[in-house]
Every structure is written in structure tokens, then in C-alpha cells.
Amino acid sequence: MSADRGKISEISVNRKGLRDFQIAERLEAGLELKGTEVKSIRAGFANIQGAFARVENGQLWLYGMDVREYEKASFSQHEPKRSRRLLVSRRQIDRLFGLSQIKGNSIVGLRLYWKGHLVKVELGVGSGKEKGDQRADLKARAVHREVQREVSQFNRSRG
């Protein structure tokens, strides 16, 4: 096994997905991609903003991920917003199907990353947050940031 296989580097993050959903469970899935898509992703032209997954006909599909067309492709080109099949086990598909049937739950694409030479997507199963929940999270983050600032300032003065 090569030492390069475990190396992870991020391609794209769905910040709105993390902000708008209360994520209960996360899992990693592989993506079924065409050659021009891989080259376009390698060039940095992928966006997972607004991506979500659905179980259809016993398979897991990712919708809404945008991979720009590869400029140097000769004759065959991919569709930028096409649905892409996710590669997960049968047991995981059955579990995700059960979780997604619960009212209010969704399967959201959280981030896209390289794991060695493979492109992986991190999925999150969660329910949508209310506006009040989002405000509470923002307030808690602001308080935490202020506390960290004060601690840092105190430590600097003690030098």
C-alpha cells in the first residue's frame, strides 16, 4: 500500500450546508466520474455548493454538484450539472434511505476532497435549522471568538 493513499486535500466545501442543516451523521462516498470531470476537478473547477443526495432505484445519486467543462477535451465532454452516482455499500444505501424517509431529514453534500488519487464526497444526514437556531449558532460563535481574543490578549500581556 502506498504512503500517498491516505493523503487528503480539500477541493470544495459546502458552507451553506453546514450553516443551514443540523448534521446528525456523516459518511464518506466515492464518486463515479468521467475522465474530463476528473481533469476539470484537478484543475480546480468543481463546486459542491447546494449539492444533495437521493436514493433512487437502490442507488445513491448526487445532484447539484457543478463541474465545469474541461476546455482541452477533444470530442467528448461532460454535462456540468449532471447527476453523479455515489459509490457506497448496500448496507449504507439502505441506512441512508431509512434516515432520509424521516420527515425533515435530507442528505447534503458537505465537502469534496482528494483521498490519495480518488475523489471523495462527505455526505451529511441532517434536518434543516430554523432561523432562531442559526442566530443562536452565530451568537455562540461570536462569544467563543471574543473569549479566545481575551485569553490571547491576557497571555500576551503576561509574556
N, C-alpha and C. Protein backbone atom coordinates (compact mmCIF):
# COMPACT_ATOMS: atom_id res chain seq x y z
N MET A 1 0.85 -1.18 0.00
CA MET A 1 0.00 0.00 0.00
C MET A 1 0.89 1.23 0.00
N SER A 2 0.60 2.16 -0.85
CA SER A 2 1.42 3.36 -0.98
C SER A 2 1.16 4.33 0.15
N ALA A 3 2.17 5.11 0.52
CA ALA A 3 2.03 6.10 1.59
C ALA A 3 1.19 7.28 1.14
N ASP A 4 1.05 7.47 -0.18
CA ASP A 4 0.31 8.60 -0.74
C ASP A 4 -1.21 8.40 -0.66
N ARG A 5 -1.65 7.16 -0.44
CA ARG A 5 -3.08 6.83 -0.49
C ARG A 5 -3.91 7.55 0.57
N GLY A 6 -3.37 7.80 1.76
CA GLY A 6 -4.13 8.42 2.82
C GLY A 6 -4.11 9.93 2.80
N LYS A 7 -3.38 10.54 1.88
CA LYS A 7 -3.25 11.99 1.82
C LYS A 7 -4.56 12.63 1.38
N ILE A 8 -5.06 13.59 2.19
CA ILE A 8 -6.35 14.23 1.91
C ILE A 8 -6.13 15.71 1.63
N SER A 9 -6.71 16.19 0.52
CA SER A 9 -6.68 17.63 0.24
C SER A 9 -8.07 18.05 -0.25
N GLU A 10 -8.55 19.14 0.32
CA GLU A 10 -9.91 19.61 0.03
C GLU A 10 -10.01 20.25 -1.34
N ILE A 11 -11.14 20.02 -2.00
CA ILE A 11 -11.42 20.62 -3.30
C ILE A 11 -12.47 21.72 -3.12
N SER A 12 -13.57 21.38 -2.46
CA SER A 12 -14.67 22.33 -2.29
C SER A 12 -15.44 22.01 -1.00
N VAL A 13 -15.95 23.07 -0.34
CA VAL A 13 -16.72 22.91 0.89
C VAL A 13 -18.07 23.59 0.72
N ASN A 14 -19.13 22.95 1.18
CA ASN A 14 -20.48 23.50 1.13
C ASN A 14 -20.76 24.20 2.46
N ARG A 15 -20.35 25.45 2.56
CA ARG A 15 -20.53 26.20 3.82
C ARG A 15 -22.01 26.41 4.16
N LYS A 16 -22.83 26.59 3.15
CA LYS A 16 -24.27 26.79 3.40
C LYS A 16 -24.90 25.52 3.97
N GLY A 17 -24.42 24.37 3.53
CA GLY A 17 -24.93 23.11 4.06
C GLY A 17 -24.64 22.98 5.54
N LEU A 18 -23.44 23.41 5.95
CA LEU A 18 -23.07 23.34 7.36
C LEU A 18 -23.84 24.38 8.17
N ARG A 19 -24.17 25.51 7.54
CA ARG A 19 -24.88 26.57 8.24
C ARG A 19 -26.38 26.28 8.35
N ASP A 20 -26.98 25.75 7.30
CA ASP A 20 -28.43 25.59 7.23
C ASP A 20 -28.96 24.27 7.78
N PHE A 21 -28.07 23.29 8.04
CA PHE A 21 -28.52 21.98 8.49
C PHE A 21 -27.86 21.59 9.80
N GLN A 22 -28.62 20.93 10.64
CA GLN A 22 -28.10 20.33 11.87
C GLN A 22 -27.69 18.91 11.48
N ILE A 23 -26.39 18.69 11.30
CA ILE A 23 -25.88 17.41 10.80
C ILE A 23 -25.80 16.40 11.94
N ALA A 24 -26.51 15.28 11.78
CA ALA A 24 -26.54 14.23 12.79
C ALA A 24 -25.52 13.14 12.50
N GLU A 25 -25.28 12.87 11.23
CA GLU A 25 -24.40 11.77 10.85
C GLU A 25 -23.64 12.14 9.58
N ARG A 26 -22.38 11.72 9.49
CA ARG A 26 -21.55 11.98 8.32
C ARG A 26 -21.02 10.65 7.77
N LEU A 27 -20.83 10.61 6.44
CA LEU A 27 -20.20 9.44 5.85
C LEU A 27 -19.47 9.82 4.56
N GLU A 28 -18.53 8.98 4.20
CA GLU A 28 -17.70 9.21 3.01
C GLU A 28 -18.21 8.34 1.87
N ALA A 29 -18.24 8.91 0.67
CA ALA A 29 -18.68 8.16 -0.51
C ALA A 29 -17.75 8.46 -1.67
N GLY A 30 -17.56 7.48 -2.53
CA GLY A 30 -16.80 7.69 -3.75
C GLY A 30 -17.73 8.24 -4.82
N LEU A 31 -17.14 8.81 -5.88
CA LEU A 31 -17.92 9.37 -6.98
C LEU A 31 -17.59 8.64 -8.26
N GLU A 32 -18.62 8.37 -9.06
CA GLU A 32 -18.41 7.80 -10.39
C GLU A 32 -18.28 8.97 -11.36
N LEU A 33 -17.06 9.17 -11.89
CA LEU A 33 -16.78 10.34 -12.73
C LEU A 33 -16.27 9.92 -14.09
N LYS A 34 -16.43 10.82 -15.06
CA LYS A 34 -15.85 10.65 -16.38
C LYS A 34 -14.44 11.25 -16.38
N GLY A 35 -13.64 10.92 -17.37
CA GLY A 35 -12.26 11.41 -17.43
C GLY A 35 -12.16 12.91 -17.50
N THR A 36 -13.04 13.55 -18.29
CA THR A 36 -12.97 15.01 -18.38
C THR A 36 -13.37 15.68 -17.07
N GLU A 37 -14.24 15.01 -16.30
CA GLU A 37 -14.62 15.56 -14.99
C GLU A 37 -13.44 15.53 -14.03
N VAL A 38 -12.70 14.43 -14.04
CA VAL A 38 -11.54 14.32 -13.16
C VAL A 38 -10.51 15.39 -13.51
N LYS A 39 -10.28 15.59 -14.79
CA LYS A 39 -9.31 16.61 -15.21
C LYS A 39 -9.77 18.01 -14.83
N SER A 40 -11.06 18.28 -14.95
CA SER A 40 -11.60 19.57 -14.57
C SER A 40 -11.51 19.78 -13.06
N ILE A 41 -11.77 18.74 -12.28
CA ILE A 41 -11.65 18.83 -10.83
C ILE A 41 -10.20 19.06 -10.44
N ARG A 42 -9.30 18.36 -11.11
CA ARG A 42 -7.87 18.53 -10.83
C ARG A 42 -7.42 19.97 -11.11
N ALA A 43 -8.06 20.60 -12.10
CA ALA A 43 -7.75 21.99 -12.44
C ALA A 43 -8.43 22.97 -11.47
N GLY A 44 -9.30 22.47 -10.59
CA GLY A 44 -9.92 23.31 -9.57
C GLY A 44 -11.27 23.88 -9.96
N PHE A 45 -11.95 23.28 -10.92
CA PHE A 45 -13.23 23.80 -11.39
C PHE A 45 -14.41 22.97 -10.93
N ALA A 46 -14.49 22.71 -9.62
CA ALA A 46 -15.60 21.95 -9.05
C ALA A 46 -16.22 22.75 -7.92
N ASN A 47 -17.54 22.64 -7.78
CA ASN A 47 -18.26 23.35 -6.73
C ASN A 47 -19.35 22.43 -6.19
N ILE A 48 -19.35 22.22 -4.89
CA ILE A 48 -20.34 21.33 -4.28
C ILE A 48 -21.44 22.13 -3.57
N GLN A 49 -21.44 23.46 -3.75
CA GLN A 49 -22.44 24.33 -3.12
C GLN A 49 -23.84 23.91 -3.57
N GLY A 50 -24.71 23.63 -2.64
CA GLY A 50 -26.09 23.28 -2.95
C GLY A 50 -26.29 21.84 -3.38
N ALA A 51 -25.28 20.98 -3.22
CA ALA A 51 -25.41 19.58 -3.64
C ALA A 51 -26.18 18.77 -2.59
N PHE A 52 -26.97 17.83 -3.07
CA PHE A 52 -27.72 16.94 -2.18
C PHE A 52 -27.78 15.56 -2.82
N ALA A 53 -28.07 14.55 -2.01
CA ALA A 53 -28.12 13.17 -2.49
C ALA A 53 -29.51 12.59 -2.28
N ARG A 54 -29.83 11.62 -3.12
CA ARG A 54 -31.11 10.92 -3.06
C ARG A 54 -30.90 9.45 -3.39
N VAL A 55 -31.70 8.60 -2.76
CA VAL A 55 -31.67 7.17 -3.08
C VAL A 55 -32.77 6.92 -4.10
N GLU A 56 -32.38 6.42 -5.28
CA GLU A 56 -33.33 6.11 -6.35
C GLU A 56 -32.99 4.76 -6.96
N ASN A 57 -33.97 3.88 -7.04
CA ASN A 57 -33.81 2.55 -7.62
C ASN A 57 -32.65 1.78 -6.99
N GLY A 58 -32.50 1.90 -5.69
CA GLY A 58 -31.45 1.16 -4.99
C GLY A 58 -30.06 1.72 -5.15
N GLN A 59 -29.92 2.90 -5.73
CA GLN A 59 -28.61 3.53 -5.89
C GLN A 59 -28.66 4.94 -5.31
N LEU A 60 -27.49 5.42 -4.89
CA LEU A 60 -27.38 6.75 -4.31
C LEU A 60 -26.85 7.70 -5.38
N TRP A 61 -27.57 8.83 -5.59
CA TRP A 61 -27.20 9.80 -6.63
C TRP A 61 -26.96 11.17 -6.01
N LEU A 62 -25.97 11.88 -6.52
CA LEU A 62 -25.65 13.24 -6.07
C LEU A 62 -26.13 14.22 -7.13
N TYR A 63 -26.93 15.20 -6.69
CA TYR A 63 -27.48 16.22 -7.58
C TYR A 63 -26.92 17.59 -7.20
N GLY A 64 -26.80 18.47 -8.17
CA GLY A 64 -26.45 19.86 -7.89
C GLY A 64 -24.98 20.16 -7.80
N MET A 65 -24.10 19.17 -7.94
CA MET A 65 -22.67 19.44 -7.94
C MET A 65 -22.28 19.95 -9.32
N ASP A 66 -21.52 21.02 -9.34
CA ASP A 66 -21.14 21.65 -10.61
C ASP A 66 -19.67 21.39 -10.90
N VAL A 67 -19.39 20.75 -12.03
CA VAL A 67 -18.02 20.54 -12.51
C VAL A 67 -17.96 21.15 -13.90
N ARG A 68 -17.22 22.26 -14.01
CA ARG A 68 -17.15 22.94 -15.30
C ARG A 68 -16.56 22.04 -16.38
N GLU A 69 -16.95 22.33 -17.61
CA GLU A 69 -16.44 21.54 -18.74
C GLU A 69 -14.93 21.71 -18.85
N TYR A 70 -14.25 20.64 -19.28
CA TYR A 70 -12.80 20.67 -19.44
C TYR A 70 -12.48 21.28 -20.80
N GLU A 71 -11.77 22.37 -20.79
CA GLU A 71 -11.52 23.15 -22.01
C GLU A 71 -10.72 22.39 -23.07
N LYS A 72 -9.79 21.55 -22.63
CA LYS A 72 -8.89 20.88 -23.57
C LYS A 72 -9.40 19.53 -24.05
N ALA A 73 -10.65 19.18 -23.74
CA ALA A 73 -11.21 17.91 -24.17
C ALA A 73 -11.36 17.90 -25.69
N SER A 74 -11.09 16.77 -26.31
CA SER A 74 -11.11 16.71 -27.77
C SER A 74 -12.54 16.58 -28.32
N PHE A 75 -13.21 15.47 -28.09
CA PHE A 75 -14.51 15.28 -28.72
C PHE A 75 -15.63 14.99 -27.72
N SER A 76 -15.33 14.32 -26.62
CA SER A 76 -16.41 14.02 -25.67
C SER A 76 -16.30 14.96 -24.47
N GLN A 77 -17.43 15.50 -24.08
CA GLN A 77 -17.48 16.47 -22.99
C GLN A 77 -18.57 16.03 -22.02
N HIS A 78 -18.45 16.37 -20.77
CA HIS A 78 -19.46 16.01 -19.78
C HIS A 78 -20.43 17.16 -19.55
N GLU A 79 -21.59 16.83 -19.01
CA GLU A 79 -22.60 17.82 -18.65
C GLU A 79 -22.22 18.39 -17.28
N PRO A 80 -22.08 19.72 -17.13
CA PRO A 80 -21.59 20.29 -15.87
C PRO A 80 -22.45 19.98 -14.64
N LYS A 81 -23.76 19.99 -14.74
CA LYS A 81 -24.63 19.79 -13.58
C LYS A 81 -25.31 18.43 -13.59
N ARG A 82 -24.75 17.44 -14.24
CA ARG A 82 -25.40 16.14 -14.33
C ARG A 82 -25.42 15.45 -12.97
N SER A 83 -26.34 14.51 -12.81
CA SER A 83 -26.38 13.73 -11.57
C SER A 83 -25.28 12.67 -11.65
N ARG A 84 -24.62 12.45 -10.52
CA ARG A 84 -23.49 11.52 -10.47
C ARG A 84 -23.79 10.43 -9.45
N ARG A 85 -23.45 9.20 -9.81
CA ARG A 85 -23.70 8.09 -8.91
C ARG A 85 -22.64 8.07 -7.81
N LEU A 86 -23.09 7.83 -6.59
CA LEU A 86 -22.18 7.72 -5.46
C LEU A 86 -21.90 6.26 -5.17
N LEU A 87 -20.69 5.97 -4.80
CA LEU A 87 -20.26 4.59 -4.60
C LEU A 87 -20.19 4.30 -3.09
N VAL A 88 -21.21 3.64 -2.60
CA VAL A 88 -21.29 3.23 -1.20
C VAL A 88 -21.83 1.80 -1.15
N SER A 89 -21.72 1.17 0.01
CA SER A 89 -22.17 -0.22 0.13
C SER A 89 -23.70 -0.28 0.20
N ARG A 90 -24.22 -1.46 -0.04
CA ARG A 90 -25.67 -1.70 0.00
C ARG A 90 -26.20 -1.37 1.39
N ARG A 91 -25.48 -1.76 2.42
CA ARG A 91 -25.91 -1.51 3.80
C ARG A 91 -26.02 0.00 4.05
N GLN A 92 -25.05 0.78 3.56
CA GLN A 92 -25.09 2.24 3.74
C GLN A 92 -26.26 2.86 2.97
N ILE A 93 -26.51 2.35 1.76
CA ILE A 93 -27.64 2.86 0.96
C ILE A 93 -28.95 2.62 1.70
N ASP A 94 -29.13 1.41 2.24
CA ASP A 94 -30.36 1.09 2.97
C ASP A 94 -30.51 1.98 4.20
N ARG A 95 -29.41 2.21 4.91
CA ARG A 95 -29.44 3.06 6.11
C ARG A 95 -29.80 4.50 5.73
N LEU A 96 -29.16 5.03 4.67
CA LEU A 96 -29.44 6.40 4.22
C LEU A 96 -30.88 6.55 3.76
N PHE A 97 -31.40 5.52 3.09
CA PHE A 97 -32.78 5.57 2.64
C PHE A 97 -33.72 5.67 3.83
N GLY A 98 -33.46 4.88 4.86
CA GLY A 98 -34.29 4.93 6.06
C GLY A 98 -34.21 6.28 6.76
N LEU A 99 -33.00 6.83 6.86
CA LEU A 99 -32.83 8.14 7.51
C LEU A 99 -33.48 9.26 6.71
N SER A 100 -33.41 9.17 5.37
CA SER A 100 -33.97 10.24 4.54
C SER A 100 -35.50 10.22 4.51
N GLN A 101 -36.12 9.09 4.89
CA GLN A 101 -37.57 9.00 4.91
C GLN A 101 -38.19 9.67 6.13
N ILE A 102 -37.35 9.95 7.14
CA ILE A 102 -37.83 10.65 8.33
C ILE A 102 -38.13 12.09 7.94
N LYS A 103 -39.28 12.59 8.34
CA LYS A 103 -39.71 13.94 7.95
C LYS A 103 -38.69 14.99 8.39
N GLY A 104 -38.30 15.83 7.44
CA GLY A 104 -37.37 16.92 7.72
C GLY A 104 -35.91 16.58 7.48
N ASN A 105 -35.59 15.31 7.27
CA ASN A 105 -34.18 14.93 7.05
C ASN A 105 -33.80 15.02 5.59
N SER A 106 -32.56 15.40 5.34
CA SER A 106 -32.00 15.48 4.00
C SER A 106 -30.60 14.92 4.00
N ILE A 107 -30.13 14.52 2.84
CA ILE A 107 -28.74 14.09 2.67
C ILE A 107 -28.05 15.20 1.89
N VAL A 108 -27.09 15.85 2.52
CA VAL A 108 -26.44 17.03 1.96
C VAL A 108 -24.97 16.72 1.67
N GLY A 109 -24.48 17.19 0.52
CA GLY A 109 -23.06 17.10 0.21
C GLY A 109 -22.32 18.19 0.98
N LEU A 110 -21.39 17.81 1.86
CA LEU A 110 -20.71 18.78 2.72
C LEU A 110 -19.37 19.23 2.16
N ARG A 111 -18.58 18.28 1.66
CA ARG A 111 -17.29 18.68 1.08
C ARG A 111 -16.82 17.65 0.06
N LEU A 112 -16.00 18.13 -0.83
CA LEU A 112 -15.42 17.33 -1.90
C LEU A 112 -13.92 17.36 -1.69
N TYR A 113 -13.25 16.20 -1.73
CA TYR A 113 -11.82 16.18 -1.46
C TYR A 113 -11.13 15.02 -2.17
N TRP A 114 -9.81 15.15 -2.29
CA TRP A 114 -8.98 14.08 -2.83
C TRP A 114 -8.54 13.21 -1.66
N LYS A 115 -8.65 11.91 -1.82
CA LYS A 115 -8.10 10.97 -0.85
C LYS A 115 -7.15 10.08 -1.64
N GLY A 116 -5.88 10.46 -1.60
CA GLY A 116 -4.91 9.83 -2.48
C GLY A 116 -5.19 10.31 -3.90
N HIS A 117 -5.46 9.40 -4.81
CA HIS A 117 -5.78 9.76 -6.19
C HIS A 117 -7.28 9.66 -6.48
N LEU A 118 -8.09 9.41 -5.45
CA LEU A 118 -9.53 9.25 -5.62
C LEU A 118 -10.28 10.50 -5.15
N VAL A 119 -11.38 10.81 -5.83
CA VAL A 119 -12.23 11.93 -5.43
C VAL A 119 -13.33 11.37 -4.54
N LYS A 120 -13.47 11.95 -3.35
CA LYS A 120 -14.48 11.51 -2.38
C LYS A 120 -15.38 12.68 -2.04
N VAL A 121 -16.59 12.36 -1.60
CA VAL A 121 -17.52 13.39 -1.14
C VAL A 121 -17.96 13.00 0.27
N GLU A 122 -18.02 14.00 1.15
CA GLU A 122 -18.51 13.77 2.50
C GLU A 122 -19.98 14.17 2.53
N LEU A 123 -20.82 13.22 2.91
CA LEU A 123 -22.26 13.45 2.99
C LEU A 123 -22.67 13.62 4.44
N GLY A 124 -23.65 14.46 4.66
CA GLY A 124 -24.20 14.64 6.00
C GLY A 124 -25.69 14.43 5.98
N VAL A 125 -26.19 13.68 6.95
CA VAL A 125 -27.62 13.48 7.09
C VAL A 125 -28.08 14.38 8.22
N GLY A 126 -29.03 15.25 7.93
CA GLY A 126 -29.49 16.15 8.97
C GLY A 126 -30.79 16.82 8.62
N SER A 127 -31.28 17.60 9.57
CA SER A 127 -32.52 18.33 9.37
C SER A 127 -32.21 19.82 9.28
N GLY A 128 -33.06 20.54 8.59
CA GLY A 128 -32.87 21.97 8.40
C GLY A 128 -33.01 22.73 9.70
N LYS A 129 -32.19 23.75 9.85
CA LYS A 129 -32.25 24.58 11.05
C LYS A 129 -33.29 25.68 10.86
N GLU A 130 -33.91 26.07 11.96
CA GLU A 130 -34.81 27.22 11.97
C GLU A 130 -33.94 28.47 12.02
N LYS A 131 -34.52 29.61 11.67
CA LYS A 131 -33.77 30.88 11.72
C LYS A 131 -33.23 31.15 13.12
N GLY A 132 -34.03 30.84 14.15
CA GLY A 132 -33.61 31.05 15.53
C GLY A 132 -32.38 30.22 15.88
N ASP A 133 -32.34 28.97 15.38
CA ASP A 133 -31.19 28.10 15.62
C ASP A 133 -29.94 28.68 14.97
N GLN A 134 -30.09 29.21 13.74
CA GLN A 134 -28.95 29.80 13.04
C GLN A 134 -28.43 31.01 13.80
N ARG A 135 -29.36 31.83 14.30
CA ARG A 135 -28.94 33.01 15.07
C ARG A 135 -28.23 32.60 16.35
N ALA A 136 -28.72 31.58 17.02
CA ALA A 136 -28.09 31.10 18.25
C ALA A 136 -26.67 30.60 17.97
N ASP A 137 -26.49 29.90 16.85
CA ASP A 137 -25.16 29.42 16.48
C ASP A 137 -24.22 30.58 16.22
N LEU A 138 -24.70 31.59 15.49
CA LEU A 138 -23.88 32.78 15.22
C LEU A 138 -23.50 33.49 16.51
N LYS A 139 -24.45 33.60 17.44
CA LYS A 139 -24.18 34.25 18.71
C LYS A 139 -23.15 33.47 19.51
N ALA A 140 -23.29 32.16 19.57
CA ALA A 140 -22.35 31.31 20.31
C ALA A 140 -20.95 31.41 19.71
N ARG A 141 -20.86 31.45 18.38
CA ARG A 141 -19.56 31.58 17.72
C ARG A 141 -18.91 32.92 18.03
N ALA A 142 -19.72 34.00 18.05
CA ALA A 142 -19.21 35.33 18.35
C ALA A 142 -18.70 35.39 19.80
N VAL A 143 -19.42 34.78 20.73
CA VAL A 143 -19.00 34.75 22.13
C VAL A 143 -17.69 33.97 22.27
N HIS A 144 -17.61 32.82 21.60
CA HIS A 144 -16.40 32.00 21.65
C HIS A 144 -15.20 32.77 21.08
N ARG A 145 -15.41 33.47 19.98
CA ARG A 145 -14.34 34.26 19.36
C ARG A 145 -13.86 35.36 20.31
N GLU A 146 -14.81 36.01 20.99
CA GLU A 146 -14.47 37.09 21.93
C GLU A 146 -13.69 36.54 23.12
N VAL A 147 -14.10 35.39 23.64
CA VAL A 147 -13.38 34.76 24.75
C VAL A 147 -11.96 34.41 24.33
N GLN A 148 -11.80 33.84 23.14
CA GLN A 148 -10.47 33.49 22.65
C GLN A 148 -9.60 34.73 22.50
N ARG A 149 -10.19 35.82 22.03
CA ARG A 149 -9.46 37.08 21.87
C ARG A 149 -8.97 37.58 23.23
N GLU A 150 -9.84 37.53 24.24
CA GLU A 150 -9.47 37.98 25.58
C GLU A 150 -8.37 37.11 26.18
N VAL A 151 -8.48 35.80 26.03
CA VAL A 151 -7.46 34.88 26.55
C VAL A 151 -6.13 35.15 25.87
N SER A 152 -6.15 35.34 24.58
CA SER A 152 -4.93 35.62 23.82
C SER A 152 -4.29 36.92 24.29
N GLN A 153 -5.11 37.94 24.48
CA GLN A 153 -4.62 39.23 24.94
C GLN A 153 -4.03 39.12 26.34
N PHE A 154 -4.67 38.37 27.21
CA PHE A 154 -4.17 38.16 28.57
C PHE A 154 -2.82 37.44 28.54
N ASN A 155 -2.71 36.41 27.71
CA ASN A 155 -1.45 35.65 27.62
C ASN A 155 -0.33 36.51 27.05
N ARG A 156 -0.63 37.36 26.09
CA ARG A 156 0.38 38.24 25.52
C ARG A 156 0.91 39.24 26.56
N SER A 157 0.02 39.75 27.39
CA SER A 157 0.43 40.74 28.39
C SER A 157 1.30 40.08 29.49
N ARG A 158 1.13 38.77 29.72
CA ARG A 158 1.92 38.04 30.72
C ARG A 158 3.28 37.65 30.19
N GLY A 159 3.40 37.63 28.86
CA GLY A 159 4.57 37.40 28.08
C GLY A 159 5.61 36.51 28.47
